[in-house]
C-alpha atoms as a PDB file:
ATOM      1  CA  UNK A   1       0.000   0.000   0.000  1.00  0.00           C
ATOM      2  CA  UNK A   2       2.821   2.401   0.862  1.00  0.00           C
ATOM      3  CA  UNK A   3       4.394   1.681  -2.506  1.00  0.00           C
ATOM      4  CA  UNK A   4       1.221   2.699  -4.394  1.00  0.00           C
ATOM      5  CA  UNK A   5       0.892   5.909  -2.366  1.00  0.00           C
ATOM      6  CA  UNK A   6       4.541   6.729  -3.072  1.00  0.00           C
ATOM      7  CA  UNK A   7       4.126   6.136  -6.819  1.00  0.00           C
ATOM      8  CA  UNK A   8       0.960   8.257  -6.929  1.00  0.00           C
ATOM      9  CA  UNK A   9       2.712  11.042  -5.005  1.00  0.00           C
ATOM     10  CA  UNK A  10       5.647  10.992  -7.448  1.00  0.00           C
ATOM     11  CA  UNK A  11       3.314  11.109 -10.466  1.00  0.00           C
ATOM     12  CA  UNK A  12       1.351  14.037  -8.964  1.00  0.00           C
ATOM     13  CA  UNK A  13       4.601  15.855  -8.160  1.00  0.00           C
ATOM     14  CA  UNK A  14       5.910  15.432 -11.719  1.00  0.00           C
ATOM     15  CA  UNK A  15       2.587  16.602 -13.173  1.00  0.00           C
ATOM     16  CA  UNK A  16       2.636  19.663 -10.895  1.00  0.00           C
ATOM     17  CA  UNK A  17       6.202  20.498 -11.993  1.00  0.00           C
ATOM     18  CA  UNK A  18       5.271  20.220 -15.672  1.00  0.00           C
ATOM     19  CA  UNK A  19       2.230  22.445 -15.150  1.00  0.00           C
ATOM     20  CA  UNK A  20       4.317  24.970 -13.189  1.00  0.00           C
ATOM     21  CA  UNK A  21       7.000  25.250 -15.879  1.00  0.00           C
ATOM     22  CA  UNK A  22       4.478  25.416 -18.715  1.00  0.00           C
ATOM     23  CA  UNK A  23       2.435  28.079 -16.889  1.00  0.00           C
ATOM     24  CA  UNK A  24       5.390  30.320 -16.048  1.00  0.00           C
ATOM     25  CA  UNK A  25       7.060  29.853 -19.431  1.00  0.00           C
ATOM     26  CA  UNK A  26       4.101  31.712 -20.945  1.00  0.00           C
ATOM     27  CA  UNK A  27       4.434  34.608 -18.484  1.00  0.00           C
ATOM     28  CA  UNK A  28       5.842  37.725 -20.088  1.00  0.00           C
ATOM     29  CA  UNK A  29       4.728  36.620 -23.529  1.00  0.00           C
ATOM     30  CA  UNK A  30       3.238  39.461 -25.489  1.00  0.00           C
ATOM     31  CA  UNK A  31       1.396  39.397 -28.776  1.00  0.00           C
ATOM     32  CA  UNK A  32       3.005  41.323 -31.610  1.00  0.00           C
ATOM     33  CA  UNK A  33       0.785  43.268 -33.981  1.00  0.00           C
ATOM     34  CA  UNK A  34       1.297  42.827 -37.712  1.00  0.00           C
ATOM     35  CA  UNK A  35      -0.212  43.475 -41.107  1.00  0.00           C
ATOM     36  CA  UNK A  36       0.099  41.338 -44.236  1.00  0.00           C
ATOM     37  CA  UNK A  37       2.189  42.824 -47.043  1.00  0.00           C
ATOM     38  CA  UNK A  38       1.163  42.085 -50.631  1.00  0.00           C
ATOM     39  CA  UNK A  39       3.953  40.641 -52.803  1.00  0.00           C
ATOM     40  CA  UNK A  40       3.643  43.660 -55.115  1.00  0.00           C
ATOM     41  CA  UNK A  41       4.286  46.120 -52.275  1.00  0.00           C
ATOM     42  CA  UNK A  42       6.927  44.254 -50.257  1.00  0.00           C
ATOM     43  CA  UNK A  43      10.268  46.024 -49.847  1.00  0.00           C
ATOM     44  CA  UNK A  44      12.786  45.551 -52.637  1.00  0.00           C
ATOM     45  CA  UNK A  45      15.371  44.187 -50.188  1.00  0.00           C
ATOM     46  CA  UNK A  46      13.080  41.281 -49.255  1.00  0.00           C
ATOM     47  CA  UNK A  47      12.308  40.532 -52.901  1.00  0.00           C
ATOM     48  CA  UNK A  48      16.061  40.407 -53.592  1.00  0.00           C
ATOM     49  CA  UNK A  49      16.929  37.921 -50.813  1.00  0.00           C
ATOM     50  CA  UNK A  50      13.782  35.777 -51.041  1.00  0.00           C
ATOM     51  CA  UNK A  51      15.184  33.538 -53.821  1.00  0.00           C
ATOM     52  CA  UNK A  52      18.006  32.511 -51.442  1.00  0.00           C
ATOM     53  CA  UNK A  53      15.492  31.132 -48.932  1.00  0.00           C
ATOM     54  CA  UNK A  54      12.560  29.979 -51.056  1.00  0.00           C
ATOM     55  CA  UNK A  55      13.773  26.340 -51.099  1.00  0.00           C
ATOM     56  CA  UNK A  56      13.670  26.185 -47.280  1.00  0.00           C
ATOM     57  CA  UNK A  57      10.809  25.963 -44.831  1.00  0.00           C
ATOM     58  CA  UNK A  58      11.536  28.659 -42.279  1.00  0.00           C
ATOM     59  CA  UNK A  59      10.742  32.017 -40.717  1.00  0.00           C
ATOM     60  CA  UNK A  60      12.998  35.014 -41.306  1.00  0.00           C
ATOM     61  CA  UNK A  61      13.091  38.468 -39.746  1.00  0.00           C
ATOM     62  CA  UNK A  62      14.439  41.594 -41.459  1.00  0.00           C
ATOM     63  CA  UNK A  63      14.796  45.230 -40.433  1.00  0.00           C
ATOM     64  CA  UNK A  64      14.293  47.640 -43.323  1.00  0.00           C
ATOM     65  CA  UNK A  65      14.038  51.413 -42.802  1.00  0.00           C
ATOM     66  CA  UNK A  66      13.328  50.999 -39.057  1.00  0.00           C
ATOM     67  CA  UNK A  67      10.478  48.571 -39.760  1.00  0.00           C
ATOM     68  CA  UNK A  68      10.586  44.878 -38.843  1.00  0.00           C
ATOM     69  CA  UNK A  69       9.284  42.339 -41.371  1.00  0.00           C
ATOM     70  CA  UNK A  70       8.680  38.617 -40.922  1.00  0.00           C
ATOM     71  CA  UNK A  71       8.810  36.222 -43.871  1.00  0.00           C
ATOM     72  CA  UNK A  72       7.638  32.599 -43.747  1.00  0.00           C
ATOM     73  CA  UNK A  73       8.596  30.296 -46.623  1.00  0.00           C
ATOM     74  CA  UNK A  74       7.273  26.769 -47.262  1.00  0.00           C
ATOM     75  CA  UNK A  75       9.942  25.483 -49.596  1.00  0.00           C
ATOM     76  CA  UNK A  76       9.568  24.084 -53.087  1.00  0.00           C
ATOM     77  CA  UNK A  77       6.269  22.379 -53.904  1.00  0.00           C
ATOM     78  CA  UNK A  78       5.566  20.294 -57.031  1.00  0.00           C
ATOM     79  CA  UNK A  79       2.030  21.591 -57.596  1.00  0.00           C
ATOM     80  CA  UNK A  80      -0.139  24.622 -57.014  1.00  0.00           C
ATOM     81  CA  UNK A  81      -2.563  24.648 -54.081  1.00  0.00           C
ATOM     82  CA  UNK A  82      -0.117  25.163 -51.218  1.00  0.00           C
ATOM     83  CA  UNK A  83      -0.328  28.290 -49.091  1.00  0.00           C
ATOM     84  CA  UNK A  84       0.994  29.778 -45.864  1.00  0.00           C
ATOM     85  CA  UNK A  85      -0.377  32.499 -43.615  1.00  0.00           C
ATOM     86  CA  UNK A  86       0.802  33.911 -40.323  1.00  0.00           C
ATOM     87  CA  UNK A  87      -1.801  33.439 -37.600  1.00  0.00           C
ATOM     88  CA  UNK A  88      -0.036  35.284 -34.774  1.00  0.00           C
ATOM     89  CA  UNK A  89       3.321  36.474 -33.499  1.00  0.00           C
ATOM     90  CA  UNK A  90       4.438  36.419 -29.871  1.00  0.00           C
ATOM     91  CA  UNK A  91       7.533  37.847 -28.221  1.00  0.00           C
ATOM     92  CA  UNK A  92       8.962  36.585 -24.947  1.00  0.00           C
ATOM     93  CA  UNK A  93      12.263  36.417 -23.144  1.00  0.00           C
ATOM     94  CA  UNK A  94      14.183  33.173 -22.622  1.00  0.00           C
ATOM     95  CA  UNK A  95      17.568  33.180 -20.896  1.00  0.00           C
ATOM     96  CA  UNK A  96      17.979  36.900 -21.591  1.00  0.00           C
ATOM     97  CA  UNK A  97      17.243  36.537 -25.328  1.00  0.00           C
ATOM     98  CA  UNK A  98      14.186  37.988 -27.022  1.00  0.00           C
ATOM     99  CA  UNK A  99      12.458  35.137 -28.846  1.00  0.00           C
ATOM    100  CA  UNK A 100       9.887  35.745 -31.570  1.00  0.00           C
ATOM    101  CA  UNK A 101       7.520  32.823 -32.101  1.00  0.00           C
ATOM    102  CA  UNK A 102       5.791  32.790 -35.486  1.00  0.00           C
ATOM    103  CA  UNK A 103       2.569  30.768 -35.610  1.00  0.00           C
ATOM    104  CA  UNK A 104       1.951  29.837 -39.241  1.00  0.00           C
ATOM    105  CA  UNK A 105      -0.983  27.998 -40.776  1.00  0.00           C
ATOM    106  CA  UNK A 106      -0.188  25.805 -43.755  1.00  0.00           C
ATOM    107  CA  UNK A 107      -2.737  24.847 -46.375  1.00  0.00           C
ATOM    108  CA  UNK A 108      -2.154  21.875 -48.683  1.00  0.00           C
ATOM    109  CA  UNK A 109      -4.249  20.798 -51.652  1.00  0.00           C
ATOM    110  CA  UNK A 110      -6.902  18.261 -50.727  1.00  0.00           C
ATOM    111  CA  UNK A 111      -6.407  14.716 -52.023  1.00  0.00           C
ATOM    112  CA  UNK A 112      -8.121  14.451 -55.385  1.00  0.00           C
ATOM    113  CA  UNK A 113      -7.976  18.198 -56.121  1.00  0.00           C
ATOM    114  CA  UNK A 114      -6.903  19.049 -59.637  1.00  0.00           C
ATOM    115  CA  UNK A 115      -3.903  21.375 -59.389  1.00  0.00           C
ATOM    116  CA  UNK A 116      -1.463  22.810 -61.885  1.00  0.00           C
ATOM    117  CA  UNK A 117       1.698  20.710 -62.151  1.00  0.00           C
ATOM    118  CA  UNK A 118       4.187  23.550 -61.678  1.00  0.00           C
ATOM    119  CA  UNK A 119       6.865  24.287 -59.118  1.00  0.00           C
ATOM    120  CA  UNK A 120       5.629  26.768 -56.523  1.00  0.00           C
ATOM    121  CA  UNK A 121       7.339  28.476 -53.594  1.00  0.00           C
ATOM    122  CA  UNK A 122       4.628  29.573 -51.132  1.00  0.00           C
ATOM    123  CA  UNK A 123       5.558  32.421 -48.798  1.00  0.00           C
ATOM    124  CA  UNK A 124       4.020  35.270 -46.857  1.00  0.00           C
ATOM    125  CA  UNK A 125       5.375  38.599 -45.628  1.00  0.00           C
ATOM    126  CA  UNK A 126       4.077  40.703 -42.731  1.00  0.00           C
ATOM    127  CA  UNK A 127       5.135  44.054 -41.293  1.00  0.00           C
ATOM    128  CA  UNK A 128       5.223  44.047 -37.483  1.00  0.00           C
ATOM    129  CA  UNK A 129       4.947  46.749 -34.867  1.00  0.00           C
ATOM    130  CA  UNK A 130       8.227  45.644 -33.223  1.00  0.00           C
ATOM    131  CA  UNK A 131      10.966  48.242 -32.790  1.00  0.00           C
ATOM    132  CA  UNK A 132      13.998  45.943 -32.629  1.00  0.00           C
ATOM    133  CA  UNK A 133      15.059  42.557 -33.969  1.00  0.00           C
ATOM    134  CA  UNK A 134      14.729  39.477 -31.756  1.00  0.00           C
ATOM    135  CA  UNK A 135      17.767  37.292 -31.055  1.00  0.00           C
ATOM    136  CA  UNK A 136      15.924  34.111 -32.071  1.00  0.00           C
ATOM    137  CA  UNK A 137      12.967  33.152 -34.242  1.00  0.00           C
ATOM    138  CA  UNK A 138      10.890  30.004 -33.709  1.00  0.00           C
ATOM    139  CA  UNK A 139       8.440  28.725 -36.333  1.00  0.00           C
ATOM    140  CA  UNK A 140       5.368  26.867 -35.049  1.00  0.00           C
ATOM    141  CA  UNK A 141       3.410  25.204 -37.892  1.00  0.00           C
ATOM    142  CA  UNK A 142      -0.224  24.157 -37.969  1.00  0.00           C
ATOM    143  CA  UNK A 143      -1.839  22.437 -40.923  1.00  0.00           C
ATOM    144  CA  UNK A 144      -5.390  23.504 -41.627  1.00  0.00           C
ATOM    145  CA  UNK A 145      -7.912  21.680 -43.739  1.00  0.00           C
END
């Protein structure tokens, strides 16, 4: 009986620790405002460096004329029908570093959809209300149907 009580106590303690760390990790997290930038009106500097990153699936941050932009690329796709959009941005501090987390929603063509058989490089660009660049960028992906 003592053994069962001890095991239950250890499990409860571990669960409490996990909850504690998860709860306090989110403290100090602030949402970052942003607006989507059309490809036709994105800064020339982003258009120039985008081909270097279009093959990769990642989030990039750039400072252009005192404005901070975030770019999310999906990599090379063999057909049309793929898309990416930024759902939200959050900024928090971890170990003294400012960390920007980019929450992106990916859309894929549905099975059976007729799509053009061309190479595509889905990406999106947003302008943020941040004043300085973060030290790290984390991309969190969610696939939507």
